[in-house]
């Protein structure tokens, strides 16, 4: 588990080092949480997909 945690940490640091990325990623988290809290599965899925798409565009 320590190895996996280290890999996640390194990937996160590399990702957040990309221009504009530190501002974009946290901005998508409230949308995900709000949709889940509201009990709106389609909105939660859409918000999560938007976040995944953002992450997928990041060059590591």
PDB file of N, CA and C in Angstrom:
ATOM      1  N   UNK A   1       0.813  -1.200   0.000  1.00  0.00           N
ATOM      2  CA  UNK A   1       0.000   0.000   0.000  1.00  0.00           C
ATOM      3  C   UNK A   1       0.856   1.264   0.000  1.00  0.00           C
ATOM      4  N   UNK A   2       1.984   1.209   0.634  1.00  0.00           N
ATOM      5  CA  UNK A   2       2.860   2.384   0.665  1.00  0.00           C
ATOM      6  C   UNK A   2       3.304   2.744  -0.744  1.00  0.00           C
ATOM      7  N   UNK A   3       3.633   1.735  -1.545  1.00  0.00           N
ATOM      8  CA  UNK A   3       4.060   1.975  -2.922  1.00  0.00           C
ATOM      9  C   UNK A   3       2.952   2.678  -3.709  1.00  0.00           C
ATOM     10  N   UNK A   4       1.730   2.186  -3.566  1.00  0.00           N
ATOM     11  CA  UNK A   4       0.607   2.787  -4.286  1.00  0.00           C
ATOM     12  C   UNK A   4       0.397   4.229  -3.829  1.00  0.00           C
ATOM     13  N   UNK A   5       0.453   4.462  -2.534  1.00  0.00           N
ATOM     14  CA  UNK A   5       0.285   5.816  -2.006  1.00  0.00           C
ATOM     15  C   UNK A   5       1.356   6.747  -2.564  1.00  0.00           C
ATOM     16  N   UNK A   6       2.572   6.267  -2.677  1.00  0.00           N
ATOM     17  CA  UNK A   6       3.657   7.083  -3.229  1.00  0.00           C
ATOM     18  C   UNK A   6       3.412   7.384  -4.707  1.00  0.00           C
ATOM     19  N   UNK A   7       2.924   6.401  -5.446  1.00  0.00           N
ATOM     20  CA  UNK A   7       2.638   6.607  -6.867  1.00  0.00           C
ATOM     21  C   UNK A   7       1.514   7.628  -7.056  1.00  0.00           C
ATOM     22  N   UNK A   8       0.481   7.527  -6.243  1.00  0.00           N
ATOM     23  CA  UNK A   8      -0.627   8.480  -6.315  1.00  0.00           C
ATOM     24  C   UNK A   8      -0.124   9.882  -5.992  1.00  0.00           C
ATOM     25  N   UNK A   9       0.704   9.997  -4.982  1.00  0.00           N
ATOM     26  CA  UNK A   9       1.249  11.303  -4.593  1.00  0.00           C
ATOM     27  C   UNK A   9       2.084  11.900  -5.723  1.00  0.00           C
ATOM     28  N   UNK A  10       2.960  11.102  -6.324  1.00  0.00           N
ATOM     29  CA  UNK A  10       3.804  11.592  -7.415  1.00  0.00           C
ATOM     30  C   UNK A  10       2.961  12.023  -8.612  1.00  0.00           C
ATOM     31  N   UNK A  11       1.947  11.239  -8.930  1.00  0.00           N
ATOM     32  CA  UNK A  11       1.072  11.576 -10.051  1.00  0.00           C
ATOM     33  C   UNK A  11       0.305  12.858  -9.769  1.00  0.00           C
ATOM     34  N   UNK A  12      -0.192  12.989  -8.554  1.00  0.00           N
ATOM     35  CA  UNK A  12      -0.928  14.202  -8.174  1.00  0.00           C
ATOM     36  C   UNK A  12      -0.024  15.426  -8.276  1.00  0.00           C
ATOM     37  N   UNK A  13       1.195  15.325  -7.789  1.00  0.00           N
ATOM     38  CA  UNK A  13       2.118  16.458  -7.853  1.00  0.00           C
ATOM     39  C   UNK A  13       2.435  16.827  -9.295  1.00  0.00           C
ATOM     40  N   UNK A  14       2.645  15.826 -10.146  1.00  0.00           N
ATOM     41  CA  UNK A  14       2.928  16.090 -11.557  1.00  0.00           C
ATOM     42  C   UNK A  14       1.720  16.739 -12.229  1.00  0.00           C
ATOM     43  N   UNK A  15       0.546  16.245 -11.916  1.00  0.00           N
ATOM     44  CA  UNK A  15      -0.680  16.780 -12.498  1.00  0.00           C
ATOM     45  C   UNK A  15      -0.897  18.225 -12.080  1.00  0.00           C
ATOM     46  N   UNK A  16      -0.773  18.488 -10.799  1.00  0.00           N
ATOM     47  CA  UNK A  16      -1.021  19.838 -10.295  1.00  0.00           C
ATOM     48  C   UNK A  16       0.069  20.821 -10.689  1.00  0.00           C
ATOM     49  N   UNK A  17       1.168  20.323 -11.242  1.00  0.00           N
ATOM     50  CA  UNK A  17       2.231  21.186 -11.734  1.00  0.00           C
ATOM     51  C   UNK A  17       1.951  21.743 -13.117  1.00  0.00           C
ATOM     52  N   UNK A  18       0.890  21.267 -13.759  1.00  0.00           N
ATOM     53  CA  UNK A  18       0.536  21.734 -15.095  1.00  0.00           C
ATOM     54  C   UNK A  18      -0.118  23.115 -15.006  1.00  0.00           C
ATOM     55  N   UNK A  19       0.161  23.997 -15.964  1.00  0.00           N
ATOM     56  CA  UNK A  19      -0.434  25.337 -15.941  1.00  0.00           C
ATOM     57  C   UNK A  19      -1.964  25.285 -15.913  1.00  0.00           C
ATOM     58  N   UNK A  20      -2.557  26.020 -14.997  1.00  0.00           N
ATOM     59  CA  UNK A  20      -4.002  26.107 -14.881  1.00  0.00           C
ATOM     60  C   UNK A  20      -4.658  24.952 -14.155  1.00  0.00           C
ATOM     61  N   UNK A  21      -3.919  23.895 -13.941  1.00  0.00           N
ATOM     62  CA  UNK A  21      -4.487  22.684 -13.340  1.00  0.00           C
ATOM     63  C   UNK A  21      -4.858  22.855 -11.870  1.00  0.00           C
ATOM     64  N   UNK A  22      -4.039  23.509 -11.055  1.00  0.00           N
ATOM     65  CA  UNK A  22      -4.424  23.637  -9.640  1.00  0.00           C
ATOM     66  C   UNK A  22      -5.771  24.340  -9.448  1.00  0.00           C
ATOM     67  N   UNK A  23      -6.096  25.271 -10.330  1.00  0.00           N
ATOM     68  CA  UNK A  23      -7.362  25.983 -10.215  1.00  0.00           C
ATOM     69  C   UNK A  23      -8.528  25.153 -10.758  1.00  0.00           C
ATOM     70  N   UNK A  24      -8.285  24.393 -11.806  1.00  0.00           N
ATOM     71  CA  UNK A  24      -9.359  23.665 -12.483  1.00  0.00           C
ATOM     72  C   UNK A  24      -9.843  22.447 -11.707  1.00  0.00           C
ATOM     73  N   UNK A  25      -8.933  21.671 -11.159  1.00  0.00           N
ATOM     74  CA  UNK A  25      -9.332  20.425 -10.503  1.00  0.00           C
ATOM     75  C   UNK A  25     -10.194  20.645  -9.275  1.00  0.00           C
ATOM     76  N   UNK A  26      -9.757  21.458  -8.314  1.00  0.00           N
ATOM     77  CA  UNK A  26     -10.607  21.652  -7.133  1.00  0.00           C
ATOM     78  C   UNK A  26     -11.955  22.276  -7.471  1.00  0.00           C
ATOM     79  N   UNK A  27     -12.014  23.036  -8.543  1.00  0.00           N
ATOM     80  CA  UNK A  27     -13.276  23.661  -8.929  1.00  0.00           C
ATOM     81  C   UNK A  27     -14.315  22.619  -9.320  1.00  0.00           C
ATOM     82  N   UNK A  28     -13.879  21.466  -9.810  1.00  0.00           N
ATOM     83  CA  UNK A  28     -14.842  20.445 -10.220  1.00  0.00           C
ATOM     84  C   UNK A  28     -15.317  19.589  -9.049  1.00  0.00           C
ATOM     85  N   UNK A  29     -14.586  19.573  -7.965  1.00  0.00           N
ATOM     86  CA  UNK A  29     -14.963  18.734  -6.818  1.00  0.00           C
ATOM     87  C   UNK A  29     -16.289  19.147  -6.175  1.00  0.00           C
ATOM     88  N   UNK A  30     -16.550  20.441  -5.942  1.00  0.00           N
ATOM     89  CA  UNK A  30     -17.843  20.807  -5.345  1.00  0.00           C
ATOM     90  C   UNK A  30     -19.035  20.401  -6.213  1.00  0.00           C
ATOM     91  N   UNK A  31     -18.892  20.475  -7.519  1.00  0.00           N
ATOM     92  CA  UNK A  31     -19.994  20.079  -8.400  1.00  0.00           C
ATOM     93  C   UNK A  31     -20.322  18.602  -8.215  1.00  0.00           C
ATOM     94  N   UNK A  32     -19.304  17.789  -8.069  1.00  0.00           N
ATOM     95  CA  UNK A  32     -19.508  16.355  -7.836  1.00  0.00           C
ATOM     96  C   UNK A  32     -20.204  16.147  -6.495  1.00  0.00           C
ATOM     97  N   UNK A  33     -19.660  16.760  -5.456  1.00  0.00           N
ATOM     98  CA  UNK A  33     -20.215  16.594  -4.108  1.00  0.00           C
ATOM     99  C   UNK A  33     -21.641  17.133  -4.015  1.00  0.00           C
ATOM    100  N   UNK A  34     -21.895  18.274  -4.637  1.00  0.00           N
ATOM    101  CA  UNK A  34     -23.236  18.860  -4.583  1.00  0.00           C
ATOM    102  C   UNK A  34     -24.269  17.949  -5.240  1.00  0.00           C
ATOM    103  N   UNK A  35     -23.906  17.366  -6.370  1.00  0.00           N
ATOM    104  CA  UNK A  35     -24.838  16.469  -7.062  1.00  0.00           C
ATOM    105  C   UNK A  35     -25.109  15.214  -6.242  1.00  0.00           C
ATOM    106  N   UNK A  36     -24.079  14.686  -5.607  1.00  0.00           N
ATOM    107  CA  UNK A  36     -24.261  13.507  -4.754  1.00  0.00           C
ATOM    108  C   UNK A  36     -25.148  13.860  -3.567  1.00  0.00           C
ATOM    109  N   UNK A  37     -24.855  14.985  -2.924  1.00  0.00           N
ATOM    110  CA  UNK A  37     -25.641  15.422  -1.768  1.00  0.00           C
ATOM    111  C   UNK A  37     -27.105  15.652  -2.143  1.00  0.00           C
ATOM    112  N   UNK A  38     -27.327  16.169  -3.342  1.00  0.00           N
ATOM    113  CA  UNK A  38     -28.688  16.436  -3.803  1.00  0.00           C
ATOM    114  C   UNK A  38     -29.420  15.162  -4.220  1.00  0.00           C
ATOM    115  N   UNK A  39     -28.700  14.047  -4.261  1.00  0.00           N
ATOM    116  CA  UNK A  39     -29.322  12.794  -4.678  1.00  0.00           C
ATOM    117  C   UNK A  39     -29.653  12.783  -6.163  1.00  0.00           C
ATOM    118  N   UNK A  40     -28.787  13.407  -6.959  1.00  0.00           N
ATOM    119  CA  UNK A  40     -29.002  13.522  -8.404  1.00  0.00           C
ATOM    120  C   UNK A  40     -27.946  12.707  -9.149  1.00  0.00           C
ATOM    121  N   UNK A  41     -28.189  11.397  -9.330  1.00  0.00           N
ATOM    122  CA  UNK A  41     -27.187  10.550  -9.990  1.00  0.00           C
ATOM    123  C   UNK A  41     -26.777  11.027 -11.382  1.00  0.00           C
ATOM    124  N   UNK A  42     -27.695  11.466 -12.249  1.00  0.00           N
ATOM    125  CA  UNK A  42     -27.242  11.932 -13.565  1.00  0.00           C
ATOM    126  C   UNK A  42     -26.305  13.141 -13.474  1.00  0.00           C
ATOM    127  N   UNK A  43     -26.614  14.075 -12.585  1.00  0.00           N
ATOM    128  CA  UNK A  43     -25.739  15.244 -12.424  1.00  0.00           C
ATOM    129  C   UNK A  43     -24.401  14.840 -11.828  1.00  0.00           C
ATOM    130  N   UNK A  44     -24.419  13.907 -10.881  1.00  0.00           N
ATOM    131  CA  UNK A  44     -23.167  13.428 -10.285  1.00  0.00           C
ATOM    132  C   UNK A  44     -22.311  12.739 -11.338  1.00  0.00           C
ATOM    133  N   UNK A  45     -22.945  11.921 -12.165  1.00  0.00           N
ATOM    134  CA  UNK A  45     -22.205  11.227 -13.228  1.00  0.00           C
ATOM    135  C   UNK A  45     -21.629  12.222 -14.226  1.00  0.00           C
ATOM    136  N   UNK A  46     -22.406  13.227 -14.586  1.00  0.00           N
ATOM    137  CA  UNK A  46     -21.923  14.233 -15.537  1.00  0.00           C
ATOM    138  C   UNK A  46     -20.767  15.033 -14.953  1.00  0.00           C
ATOM    139  N   UNK A  47     -20.878  15.416 -13.688  1.00  0.00           N
ATOM    140  CA  UNK A  47     -19.803  16.168 -13.038  1.00  0.00           C
ATOM    141  C   UNK A  47     -18.544  15.320 -12.917  1.00  0.00           C
ATOM    142  N   UNK A  48     -18.711  14.056 -12.590  1.00  0.00           N
ATOM    143  CA  UNK A  48     -17.555  13.166 -12.472  1.00  0.00           C
ATOM    144  C   UNK A  48     -16.912  12.951 -13.835  1.00  0.00           C
ATOM    145  N   UNK A  49     -17.730  12.782 -14.873  1.00  0.00           N
ATOM    146  CA  UNK A  49     -17.183  12.602 -16.220  1.00  0.00           C
ATOM    147  C   UNK A  49     -16.413  13.836 -16.662  1.00  0.00           C
ATOM    148  N   UNK A  50     -16.937  15.019 -16.347  1.00  0.00           N
ATOM    149  CA  UNK A  50     -16.229  16.256 -16.693  1.00  0.00           C
ATOM    150  C   UNK A  50     -14.882  16.312 -15.988  1.00  0.00           C
ATOM    151  N   UNK A  51     -14.845  15.883 -14.737  1.00  0.00           N
ATOM    152  CA  UNK A  51     -13.589  15.864 -13.991  1.00  0.00           C
ATOM    153  C   UNK A  51     -12.618  14.851 -14.598  1.00  0.00           C
ATOM    154  N   UNK A  52     -13.110  13.672 -14.935  1.00  0.00           N
ATOM    155  CA  UNK A  52     -12.258  12.645 -15.549  1.00  0.00           C
ATOM    156  C   UNK A  52     -11.716  13.146 -16.882  1.00  0.00           C
ATOM    157  N   UNK A  53     -12.556  13.807 -17.674  1.00  0.00           N
ATOM    158  CA  UNK A  53     -12.096  14.356 -18.952  1.00  0.00           C
ATOM    159  C   UNK A  53     -10.989  15.378 -18.738  1.00  0.00           C
ATOM    160  N   UNK A  54     -11.132  16.219 -17.731  1.00  0.00           N
ATOM    161  CA  UNK A  54     -10.103  17.212 -17.415  1.00  0.00           C
ATOM    162  C   UNK A  54      -8.792  16.525 -17.046  1.00  0.00           C
ATOM    163  N   UNK A  55      -8.884  15.510 -16.208  1.00  0.00           N
ATOM    164  CA  UNK A  55      -7.689  14.778 -15.776  1.00  0.00           C
ATOM    165  C   UNK A  55      -7.047  14.064 -16.965  1.00  0.00           C
ATOM    166  N   UNK A  56      -7.868  13.497 -17.839  1.00  0.00           N
ATOM    167  CA  UNK A  56      -7.347  12.754 -18.990  1.00  0.00           C
ATOM    168  C   UNK A  56      -6.573  13.652 -19.951  1.00  0.00           C
ATOM    169  N   UNK A  57      -6.901  14.932 -19.969  1.00  0.00           N
ATOM    170  CA  UNK A  57      -6.216  15.878 -20.856  1.00  0.00           C
ATOM    171  C   UNK A  57      -4.870  16.333 -20.313  1.00  0.00           C
ATOM    172  N   UNK A  58      -4.563  15.976 -19.092  1.00  0.00           N
ATOM    173  CA  UNK A  58      -3.329  16.423 -18.452  1.00  0.00           C
ATOM    174  C   UNK A  58      -2.149  15.593 -18.934  1.00  0.00           C
ATOM    175  N   UNK A  59      -1.120  16.261 -19.400  1.00  0.00           N
ATOM    176  CA  UNK A  59       0.108  15.585 -19.820  1.00  0.00           C
ATOM    177  C   UNK A  59       0.993  15.344 -18.612  1.00  0.00           C
ATOM    178  N   UNK A  60       1.286  14.085 -18.368  1.00  0.00           N
ATOM    179  CA  UNK A  60       2.175  13.756 -17.248  1.00  0.00           C
ATOM    180  C   UNK A  60       3.504  13.271 -17.773  1.00  0.00           C
TER     181      UNK A  60
END
